[in-house]
PDB file of N, CA and C in Angstrom:
ATOM      1  N   MET A   1      27.813  20.091  46.928  1.00  0.00           N
ATOM      2  CA  MET A   1      29.079  19.587  47.460  1.00  0.00           C
ATOM      3  C   MET A   1      30.038  19.329  46.303  1.00  0.00           C
ATOM      4  N   ASN A   2      31.266  19.694  46.525  1.00  0.00           N
ATOM      5  CA  ASN A   2      32.316  19.476  45.539  1.00  0.00           C
ATOM      6  C   ASN A   2      32.648  17.987  45.474  1.00  0.00           C
ATOM      7  N   ILE A   3      32.642  17.394  44.270  1.00  0.00           N
ATOM      8  CA  ILE A   3      32.943  15.964  44.157  1.00  0.00           C
ATOM      9  C   ILE A   3      34.444  15.695  44.079  1.00  0.00           C
ATOM     10  N   ASN A   4      35.234  16.747  43.911  1.00  0.00           N
ATOM     11  CA  ASN A   4      36.685  16.601  43.968  1.00  0.00           C
ATOM     12  C   ASN A   4      37.057  16.267  45.415  1.00  0.00           C
ATOM     13  N   PRO A   5      37.710  15.125  45.687  1.00  0.00           N
ATOM     14  CA  PRO A   5      37.976  14.736  47.079  1.00  0.00           C
ATOM     15  C   PRO A   5      38.852  15.706  47.849  1.00  0.00           C
ATOM     16  N   ILE A   6      39.615  16.520  47.165  1.00  0.00           N
ATOM     17  CA  ILE A   6      40.471  17.468  47.880  1.00  0.00           C
ATOM     18  C   ILE A   6      39.992  18.912  47.715  1.00  0.00           C
ATOM     19  N   GLY A   7      38.894  19.096  47.010  1.00  0.00           N
ATOM     20  CA  GLY A   7      38.398  20.430  46.680  1.00  0.00           C
ATOM     21  C   GLY A   7      37.982  21.273  47.867  1.00  0.00           C
ATOM     22  N   ASN A   8      37.543  20.654  48.954  1.00  0.00           N
ATOM     23  CA  ASN A   8      37.067  21.420  50.106  1.00  0.00           C
ATOM     24  C   ASN A   8      38.105  21.552  51.220  1.00  0.00           C
ATOM     25  N   LEU A   9      39.305  21.032  50.993  1.00  0.00           N
ATOM     26  CA  LEU A   9      40.364  21.176  52.004  1.00  0.00           C
ATOM     27  C   LEU A   9      40.836  22.628  52.032  1.00  0.00           C
ATOM     28  N   ASN A  10      41.176  23.119  53.213  1.00  0.00           N
ATOM     29  CA  ASN A  10      41.637  24.492  53.395  1.00  0.00           C
ATOM     30  C   ASN A  10      43.155  24.524  53.236  1.00  0.00           C
ATOM     31  N   LYS A  11      43.647  25.247  52.240  1.00  0.00           N
ATOM     32  CA  LYS A  11      45.084  25.297  51.961  1.00  0.00           C
ATOM     33  C   LYS A  11      45.902  25.842  53.131  1.00  0.00           C
ATOM     34  N   VAL A  12      45.316  26.686  53.928  1.00  0.00           N
ATOM     35  CA  VAL A  12      46.049  27.264  55.074  1.00  0.00           C
ATOM     36  C   VAL A  12      46.470  26.159  56.045  1.00  0.00           C
ATOM     37  N   PHE A  13      45.692  25.096  56.119  1.00  0.00           N
ATOM     38  CA  PHE A  13      45.982  24.020  57.068  1.00  0.00           C
ATOM     39  C   PHE A  13      46.820  22.891  56.451  1.00  0.00           C
ATOM     40  N   GLU A  14      47.367  23.075  55.265  1.00  0.00           N
ATOM     41  CA  GLU A  14      48.173  22.029  54.633  1.00  0.00           C
ATOM     42  C   GLU A  14      49.509  21.820  55.339  1.00  0.00           C
ATOM     43  N   SER A  15      50.014  22.823  56.015  1.00  0.00           N
ATOM     44  CA  SER A  15      51.275  22.688  56.745  1.00  0.00           C
ATOM     45  C   SER A  15      51.040  21.892  58.020  1.00  0.00           C
ATOM     46  N   ARG A  16      51.933  20.960  58.311  1.00  0.00           N
ATOM     47  CA  ARG A  16      51.785  20.148  59.524  1.00  0.00           C
ATOM     48  C   ARG A  16      51.932  21.011  60.777  1.00  0.00           C
ATOM     49  N   ILE A  17      52.698  22.074  60.685  1.00  0.00           N
ATOM     50  CA  ILE A  17      52.862  22.954  61.848  1.00  0.00           C
ATOM     51  C   ILE A  17      51.582  23.745  62.092  1.00  0.00           C
ATOM     52  N   ARG A  18      50.990  24.302  61.043  1.00  0.00           N
ATOM     53  CA  ARG A  18      49.723  25.037  61.221  1.00  0.00           C
ATOM     54  C   ARG A  18      48.616  24.099  61.669  1.00  0.00           C
ATOM     55  N   LEU A  19      48.625  22.878  61.162  1.00  0.00           N
ATOM     56  CA  LEU A  19      47.645  21.875  61.599  1.00  0.00           C
ATOM     57  C   LEU A  19      47.836  21.582  63.086  1.00  0.00           C
ATOM     58  N   GLY A  20      49.084  21.468  63.515  1.00  0.00           N
ATOM     59  CA  GLY A  20      49.375  21.222  64.922  1.00  0.00           C
ATOM     60  C   GLY A  20      48.969  22.389  65.802  1.00  0.00           C
ATOM     61  N   VAL A  21      49.252  23.605  65.366  1.00  0.00           N
ATOM     62  CA  VAL A  21      48.868  24.792  66.142  1.00  0.00           C
ATOM     63  C   VAL A  21      47.353  24.835  66.309  1.00  0.00           C
ATOM     64  N   MET A  22      46.634  24.638  65.222  1.00  0.00           N
ATOM     65  CA  MET A  22      45.169  24.702  65.305  1.00  0.00           C
ATOM     66  C   MET A  22      44.621  23.593  66.193  1.00  0.00           C
ATOM     67  N   SER A  23      45.192  22.405  66.114  1.00  0.00           N
ATOM     68  CA  SER A  23      44.745  21.293  66.961  1.00  0.00           C
ATOM     69  C   SER A  23      44.941  21.629  68.434  1.00  0.00           C
ATOM     70  N   ILE A  24      46.082  22.200  68.748  1.00  0.00           N
ATOM     71  CA  ILE A  24      46.372  22.569  70.143  1.00  0.00           C
ATOM     72  C   ILE A  24      45.418  23.665  70.615  1.00  0.00           C
ATOM     73  N   LEU A  25      45.174  24.649  69.745  1.00  0.00           N
ATOM     74  CA  LEU A  25      44.305  25.760  70.144  1.00  0.00           C
ATOM     75  C   LEU A  25      42.829  25.371  70.207  1.00  0.00           C
ATOM     76  N   MET A  26      42.459  24.301  69.546  1.00  0.00           N
ATOM     77  CA  MET A  26      41.066  23.833  69.625  1.00  0.00           C
ATOM     78  C   MET A  26      40.743  23.299  71.021  1.00  0.00           C
ATOM     79  N   VAL A  27      41.752  22.819  71.730  1.00  0.00           N
ATOM     80  CA  VAL A  27      41.500  22.207  73.038  1.00  0.00           C
ATOM     81  C   VAL A  27      42.068  23.025  74.199  1.00  0.00           C
ATOM     82  N   ASN A  28      42.666  24.169  73.906  1.00  0.00           N
ATOM     83  CA  ASN A  28      43.191  25.071  74.942  1.00  0.00           C
ATOM     84  C   ASN A  28      42.638  26.473  74.692  1.00  0.00           C
ATOM     85  N   ASP A  29      42.208  27.150  75.747  1.00  0.00           N
ATOM     86  CA  ASP A  29      41.688  28.514  75.584  1.00  0.00           C
ATOM     87  C   ASP A  29      42.747  29.438  75.009  1.00  0.00           C
ATOM     88  N   GLU A  30      43.972  29.315  75.514  1.00  0.00           N
ATOM     89  CA  GLU A  30      45.103  30.074  74.990  1.00  0.00           C
ATOM     90  C   GLU A  30      46.382  29.352  75.368  1.00  0.00           C
ATOM     91  N   ILE A  31      47.440  29.652  74.643  1.00  0.00           N
ATOM     92  CA  ILE A  31      48.728  29.017  74.915  1.00  0.00           C
ATOM     93  C   ILE A  31      49.822  29.986  74.513  1.00  0.00           C
ATOM     94  N   ASN A  32      50.949  29.966  75.243  1.00  0.00           N
ATOM     95  CA  ASN A  32      52.005  30.921  74.916  1.00  0.00           C
ATOM     96  C   ASN A  32      52.991  30.341  73.897  1.00  0.00           C
ATOM     97  N   PHE A  33      53.802  31.231  73.355  1.00  0.00           N
ATOM     98  CA  PHE A  33      54.713  30.885  72.259  1.00  0.00           C
ATOM     99  C   PHE A  33      55.657  29.748  72.653  1.00  0.00           C
ATOM    100  N   ASN A  34      56.257  29.844  73.824  1.00  0.00           N
ATOM    101  CA  ASN A  34      57.240  28.829  74.226  1.00  0.00           C
ATOM    102  C   ASN A  34      56.606  27.456  74.402  1.00  0.00           C
ATOM    103  N   ASP A  35      55.401  27.403  74.940  1.00  0.00           N
ATOM    104  CA  ASP A  35      54.725  26.109  75.082  1.00  0.00           C
ATOM    105  C   ASP A  35      54.407  25.510  73.712  1.00  0.00           C
ATOM    106  N   LEU A  36      53.947  26.345  72.799  1.00  0.00           N
ATOM    107  CA  LEU A  36      53.686  25.858  71.429  1.00  0.00           C
ATOM    108  C   LEU A  36      54.971  25.319  70.799  1.00  0.00           C
ATOM    109  N   LYS A  37      56.040  26.070  70.979  1.00  0.00           N
ATOM    110  CA  LYS A  37      57.334  25.680  70.396  1.00  0.00           C
ATOM    111  C   LYS A  37      57.793  24.322  70.929  1.00  0.00           C
ATOM    112  N   GLN A  38      57.654  24.132  72.229  1.00  0.00           N
ATOM    113  CA  GLN A  38      58.053  22.849  72.829  1.00  0.00           C
ATOM    114  C   GLN A  38      57.146  21.716  72.384  1.00  0.00           C
ATOM    115  N   MET A  39      55.855  21.959  72.335  1.00  0.00           N
ATOM    116  CA  MET A  39      54.914  20.905  71.965  1.00  0.00           C
ATOM    117  C   MET A  39      55.123  20.455  70.518  1.00  0.00           C
ATOM    118  N   LEU A  40      55.429  21.406  69.637  1.00  0.00           N
ATOM    119  CA  LEU A  40      55.558  21.081  68.215  1.00  0.00           C
ATOM    120  C   LEU A  40      57.004  20.797  67.799  1.00  0.00           C
ATOM    121  N   GLU A  41      57.949  21.056  68.714  1.00  0.00           N
ATOM    122  CA  GLU A  41      59.380  20.812  68.458  1.00  0.00           C
ATOM    123  C   GLU A  41      59.829  21.509  67.170  1.00  0.00           C
ATOM    124  N   VAL A  42      59.629  22.821  67.134  1.00  0.00           N
ATOM    125  CA  VAL A  42      60.029  23.631  65.983  1.00  0.00           C
ATOM    126  C   VAL A  42      60.884  24.802  66.459  1.00  0.00           C
ATOM    127  N   THR A  43      61.523  25.461  65.519  1.00  0.00           N
ATOM    128  CA  THR A  43      62.358  26.616  65.859  1.00  0.00           C
ATOM    129  C   THR A  43      61.484  27.863  66.034  1.00  0.00           C
ATOM    130  N   ASP A  44      62.045  28.878  66.676  1.00  0.00           N
ATOM    131  CA  ASP A  44      61.335  30.144  66.860  1.00  0.00           C
ATOM    132  C   ASP A  44      60.864  30.724  65.530  1.00  0.00           C
ATOM    133  N   GLY A  45      61.787  30.813  64.573  1.00  0.00           N
ATOM    134  CA  GLY A  45      61.472  31.429  63.285  1.00  0.00           C
ATOM    135  C   GLY A  45      60.414  30.667  62.520  1.00  0.00           C
ATOM    136  N   ASN A  46      60.524  29.345  62.541  1.00  0.00           N
ATOM    137  CA  ASN A  46      59.557  28.518  61.826  1.00  0.00           C
ATOM    138  C   ASN A  46      58.167  28.677  62.432  1.00  0.00           C
ATOM    139  N   LEU A  47      58.088  28.604  63.748  1.00  0.00           N
ATOM    140  CA  LEU A  47      56.786  28.741  64.407  1.00  0.00           C
ATOM    141  C   LEU A  47      56.218  30.139  64.176  1.00  0.00           C
ATOM    142  N   ALA A  48      57.044  31.150  64.313  1.00  0.00           N
ATOM    143  CA  ALA A  48      56.573  32.530  64.129  1.00  0.00           C
ATOM    144  C   ALA A  48      55.998  32.733  62.734  1.00  0.00           C
ATOM    145  N   SER A  49      56.645  32.158  61.736  1.00  0.00           N
ATOM    146  CA  SER A  49      56.167  32.282  60.364  1.00  0.00           C
ATOM    147  C   SER A  49      54.775  31.663  60.200  1.00  0.00           C
ATOM    148  N   HIS A  50      54.594  30.488  60.751  1.00  0.00           N
ATOM    149  CA  HIS A  50      53.297  29.813  60.629  1.00  0.00           C
ATOM    150  C   HIS A  50      52.213  30.515  61.459  1.00  0.00           C
ATOM    151  N   LEU A  51      52.584  31.019  62.625  1.00  0.00           N
ATOM    152  CA  LEU A  51      51.619  31.761  63.440  1.00  0.00           C
ATOM    153  C   LEU A  51      51.183  33.027  62.710  1.00  0.00           C
ATOM    154  N   ASN A  52      52.119  33.667  62.043  1.00  0.00           N
ATOM    155  CA  ASN A  52      51.811  34.874  61.277  1.00  0.00           C
ATOM    156  C   ASN A  52      50.799  34.570  60.172  1.00  0.00           C
ATOM    157  N   THR A  53      50.980  33.457  59.496  1.00  0.00           N
ATOM    158  CA  THR A  53      50.038  33.064  58.434  1.00  0.00           C
ATOM    159  C   THR A  53      48.641  32.847  59.009  1.00  0.00           C
ATOM    160  N   LEU A  54      48.569  32.159  60.147  1.00  0.00           N
ATOM    161  CA  LEU A  54      47.264  31.911  60.765  1.00  0.00           C
ATOM    162  C   LEU A  54      46.618  33.214  61.229  1.00  0.00           C
ATOM    163  N   GLU A  55      47.433  34.128  61.752  1.00  0.00           N
ATOM    164  CA  GLU A  55      46.901  35.415  62.201  1.00  0.00           C
ATOM    165  C   GLU A  55      46.420  36.243  61.009  1.00  0.00           C
ATOM    166  N   GLU A  56      47.188  36.270  59.934  1.00  0.00           N
ATOM    167  CA  GLU A  56      46.810  37.032  58.734  1.00  0.00           C
ATOM    168  C   GLU A  56      45.487  36.544  58.146  1.00  0.00           C
ATOM    169  N   ASN A  57      45.209  35.256  58.314  1.00  0.00           N
ATOM    170  CA  ASN A  57      43.963  34.693  57.805  1.00  0.00           C
ATOM    171  C   ASN A  57      42.816  34.838  58.796  1.00  0.00           C
ATOM    172  N   GLY A  58      43.089  35.428  59.951  1.00  0.00           N
ATOM    173  CA  GLY A  58      42.048  35.652  60.948  1.00  0.00           C
ATOM    174  C   GLY A  58      41.673  34.417  61.739  1.00  0.00           C
ATOM    175  N   TYR A  59      42.552  33.407  61.737  1.00  0.00           N
ATOM    176  CA  TYR A  59      42.231  32.156  62.421  1.00  0.00           C
ATOM    177  C   TYR A  59      42.709  32.125  63.870  1.00  0.00           C
ATOM    178  N   ILE A  60      43.665  32.958  64.215  1.00  0.00           N
ATOM    179  CA  ILE A  60      44.111  33.044  65.601  1.00  0.00           C
ATOM    180  C   ILE A  60      44.235  34.515  65.990  1.00  0.00           C
ATOM    181  N   LYS A  61      44.162  34.760  67.283  1.00  0.00           N
ATOM    182  CA  LYS A  61      44.392  36.114  67.785  1.00  0.00           C
ATOM    183  C   LYS A  61      45.584  36.073  68.724  1.00  0.00           C
ATOM    184  N   VAL A  62      46.319  37.170  68.747  1.00  0.00           N
ATOM    185  CA  VAL A  62      47.564  37.255  69.497  1.00  0.00           C
ATOM    186  C   VAL A  62      47.396  38.254  70.622  1.00  0.00           C
ATOM    187  N   HIS A  63      47.900  37.907  71.796  1.00  0.00           N
ATOM    188  CA  HIS A  63      47.900  38.839  72.920  1.00  0.00           C
ATOM    189  C   HIS A  63      49.331  38.943  73.433  1.00  0.00           C
ATOM    190  N   LYS A  64      49.868  40.166  73.417  1.00  0.00           N
ATOM    191  CA  LYS A  64      51.229  40.384  73.906  1.00  0.00           C
ATOM    192  C   LYS A  64      51.169  41.058  75.261  1.00  0.00           C
ATOM    193  N   GLY A  65      51.854  40.482  76.220  1.00  0.00           N
ATOM    194  CA  GLY A  65      51.867  41.031  77.564  1.00  0.00           C
ATOM    195  C   GLY A  65      53.201  40.769  78.235  1.00  0.00           C
ATOM    196  N   PHE A  66      53.222  40.951  79.515  1.00  0.00           N
ATOM    197  CA  PHE A  66      54.442  40.743  80.288  1.00  0.00           C
ATOM    198  C   PHE A  66      54.137  39.889  81.503  1.00  0.00           C
ATOM    199  N   ILE A  67      55.094  39.046  81.857  1.00  0.00           N
ATOM    200  CA  ILE A  67      55.097  38.380  83.149  1.00  0.00           C
ATOM    201  C   ILE A  67      56.362  38.888  83.821  1.00  0.00           C
ATOM    202  N   GLY A  68      56.182  39.786  84.789  1.00  0.00           N
ATOM    203  CA  GLY A  68      57.337  40.478  85.351  1.00  0.00           C
ATOM    204  C   GLY A  68      57.945  41.356  84.274  1.00  0.00           C
ATOM    205  N   ARG A  69      59.202  41.144  83.991  1.00  0.00           N
ATOM    206  CA  ARG A  69      59.878  41.918  82.941  1.00  0.00           C
ATOM    207  C   ARG A  69      59.984  41.155  81.627  1.00  0.00           C
ATOM    208  N   LYS A  70      59.531  39.913  81.630  1.00  0.00           N
ATOM    209  CA  LYS A  70      59.626  39.089  80.419  1.00  0.00           C
ATOM    210  C   LYS A  70      58.360  39.225  79.581  1.00  0.00           C
ATOM    211  N   THR A  71      58.554  39.281  78.270  1.00  0.00           N
ATOM    212  CA  THR A  71      57.400  39.323  77.375  1.00  0.00           C
ATOM    213  C   THR A  71      56.718  37.965  77.369  1.00  0.00           C
ATOM    214  N   ASN A  72      55.421  37.988  77.224  1.00  0.00           N
ATOM    215  CA  ASN A  72      54.637  36.758  77.153  1.00  0.00           C
ATOM    216  C   ASN A  72      53.594  36.933  76.052  1.00  0.00           C
ATOM    217  N   THR A  73      53.770  36.203  74.973  1.00  0.00           N
ATOM    218  CA  THR A  73      52.843  36.274  73.853  1.00  0.00           C
ATOM    219  C   THR A  73      51.988  35.023  73.866  1.00  0.00           C
ATOM    220  N   THR A  74      50.679  35.222  73.904  1.00  0.00           N
ATOM    221  CA  THR A  74      49.767  34.081  73.902  1.00  0.00           C
ATOM    222  C   THR A  74      48.902  34.109  72.647  1.00  0.00           C
ATOM    223  N   TYR A  75      48.408  32.940  72.314  1.00  0.00           N
ATOM    224  CA  TYR A  75      47.602  32.771  71.106  1.00  0.00           C
ATOM    225  C   TYR A  75      46.307  32.062  71.471  1.00  0.00           C
ATOM    226  N   ALA A  76      45.249  32.443  70.792  1.00  0.00           N
ATOM    227  CA  ALA A  76      43.943  31.802  70.974  1.00  0.00           C
ATOM    228  C   ALA A  76      43.280  31.697  69.607  1.00  0.00           C
ATOM    229  N   ILE A  77      42.393  30.751  69.493  1.00  0.00           N
ATOM    230  CA  ILE A  77      41.693  30.570  68.224  1.00  0.00           C
ATOM    231  C   ILE A  77      40.536  31.565  68.149  1.00  0.00           C
ATOM    232  N   THR A  78      40.244  32.047  66.958  1.00  0.00           N
ATOM    233  CA  THR A  78      39.101  32.942  66.753  1.00  0.00           C
ATOM    234  C   THR A  78      37.889  32.095  66.358  1.00  0.00           C
ATOM    235  N   ALA A  79      36.715  32.708  66.390  1.00  0.00           N
ATOM    236  CA  ALA A  79      35.501  31.995  65.953  1.00  0.00           C
ATOM    237  C   ALA A  79      35.645  31.586  64.485  1.00  0.00           C
ATOM    238  N   ALA A  80      36.219  32.464  63.673  1.00  0.00           N
ATOM    239  CA  ALA A  80      36.428  32.145  62.255  1.00  0.00           C
ATOM    240  C   ALA A  80      37.421  30.992  62.106  1.00  0.00           C
ATOM    241  N   GLY A  81      38.450  30.972  62.953  1.00  0.00           N
ATOM    242  CA  GLY A  81      39.432  29.897  62.911  1.00  0.00           C
ATOM    243  C   GLY A  81      38.831  28.572  63.309  1.00  0.00           C
ATOM    244  N   GLU A  82      38.003  28.584  64.329  1.00  0.00           N
ATOM    245  CA  GLU A  82      37.346  27.345  64.769  1.00  0.00           C
ATOM    246  C   GLU A  82      36.432  26.819  63.665  1.00  0.00           C
ATOM    247  N   LYS A  83      35.678  27.704  63.053  1.00  0.00           N
ATOM    248  CA  LYS A  83      34.769  27.293  61.976  1.00  0.00           C
ATOM    249  C   LYS A  83      35.556  26.739  60.780  1.00  0.00           C
ATOM    250  N   ALA A  84      36.628  27.424  60.403  1.00  0.00           N
ATOM    251  CA  ALA A  84      37.434  26.983  59.262  1.00  0.00           C
ATOM    252  C   ALA A  84      38.115  25.646  59.554  1.00  0.00           C
ATOM    253  N   PHE A  85      38.609  25.483  60.778  1.00  0.00           N
ATOM    254  CA  PHE A  85      39.306  24.232  61.115  1.00  0.00           C
ATOM    255  C   PHE A  85      38.324  23.062  61.156  1.00  0.00           C
ATOM    256  N   LYS A  86      37.150  23.278  61.731  1.00  0.00           N
ATOM    257  CA  LYS A  86      36.132  22.214  61.741  1.00  0.00           C
ATOM    258  C   LYS A  86      35.725  21.867  60.305  1.00  0.00           C
ATOM    259  N   GLY A  87      35.607  22.857  59.442  1.00  0.00           N
ATOM    260  CA  GLY A  87      35.295  22.605  58.039  1.00  0.00           C
ATOM    261  C   GLY A  87      36.377  21.789  57.360  1.00  0.00           C
ATOM    262  N   HIS A  88      37.622  22.067  57.707  1.00  0.00           N
ATOM    263  CA  HIS A  88      38.747  21.321  57.151  1.00  0.00           C
ATOM    264  C   HIS A  88      38.696  19.859  57.609  1.00  0.00           C
ATOM    265  N   LEU A  89      38.363  19.643  58.878  1.00  0.00           N
ATOM    266  CA  LEU A  89      38.276  18.270  59.396  1.00  0.00           C
ATOM    267  C   LEU A  89      37.153  17.499  58.705  1.00  0.00           C
ATOM    268  N   VAL A  90      36.028  18.160  58.483  1.00  0.00           N
ATOM    269  CA  VAL A  90      34.920  17.516  57.762  1.00  0.00           C
ATOM    270  C   VAL A  90      35.356  17.171  56.338  1.00  0.00           C
ATOM    271  N   ALA A  91      36.073  18.076  55.703  1.00  0.00           N
ATOM    272  CA  ALA A  91      36.562  17.822  54.345  1.00  0.00           C
ATOM    273  C   ALA A  91      37.513  16.624  54.323  1.00  0.00           C
ATOM    274  N   LEU A  92      38.352  16.499  55.350  1.00  0.00           N
ATOM    275  CA  LEU A  92      39.259  15.338  55.439  1.00  0.00           C
ATOM    276  C   LEU A  92      38.457  14.046  55.590  1.00  0.00           C
ATOM    277  N   GLU A  93      37.447  14.086  56.462  1.00  0.00           N
ATOM    278  CA  GLU A  93      36.605  12.895  56.655  1.00  0.00           C
ATOM    279  C   GLU A  93      35.888  12.517  55.363  1.00  0.00           C
ATOM    280  N   ASN A  94      35.360  13.513  54.680  1.00  0.00           N
ATOM    281  CA  ASN A  94      34.675  13.251  53.411  1.00  0.00           C
ATOM    282  C   ASN A  94      35.638  12.709  52.361  1.00  0.00           C
ATOM    283  N   MET A  95      36.855  13.222  52.357  1.00  0.00           N
ATOM    284  CA  MET A  95      37.853  12.745  51.408  1.00  0.00           C
ATOM    285  C   MET A  95      38.142  11.267  51.660  1.00  0.00           C
ATOM    286  N   ILE A  96      38.252  10.883  52.924  1.00  0.00           N
ATOM    287  CA  ILE A  96      38.533   9.486  53.256  1.00  0.00           C
ATOM    288  C   ILE A  96      37.354   8.602  52.833  1.00  0.00           C
ATOM    289  N   ARG A  97      36.140   9.052  53.115  1.00  0.00           N
ATOM    290  CA  ARG A  97      34.950   8.279  52.723  1.00  0.00           C
ATOM    291  C   ARG A  97      34.856   8.162  51.213  1.00  0.00           C
ATOM    292  N   PHE A  98      35.167   9.244  50.497  1.00  0.00           N
ATOM    293  CA  PHE A  98      35.059   9.284  49.048  1.00  0.00           C
ATOM    294  C   PHE A  98      36.033   8.303  48.397  1.00  0.00           C
ATOM    295  N   THR A  99      37.187   8.123  49.000  1.00  0.00           N
ATOM    296  CA  THR A  99      38.223   7.300  48.376  1.00  0.00           C
ATOM    297  C   THR A  99      38.150   5.833  48.768  1.00  0.00           C
ATOM    298  N   LYS A 100      37.149   5.427  49.567  1.00  0.00           N
ATOM    299  CA  LYS A 100      36.997   4.000  49.931  1.00  0.00           C
ATOM    300  C   LYS A 100      36.524   3.203  48.753  1.00  0.00           C
TER     301      LYS A 100
END
């Protein structure tokens, strides 16, 4: 185990928006872009940028479809994303214990 209290934290989750997205996806099977945007109170561009980072790291998967004539993009967490996020939470808990 790394004795550096911040050594095991995952840099991808340092952004509060990415942390929020992962938290939401941990408790929802999937969620669409507009719902994420409303829940996190962020702009389209800002959310899209953070979602892209999570997708590039293999932590979320994207499904693009249609509801009627409107596009509907949904996001879900991957097995790798769930494992990485749980590891990040454990690292946070260990960091708190280490600094007591």
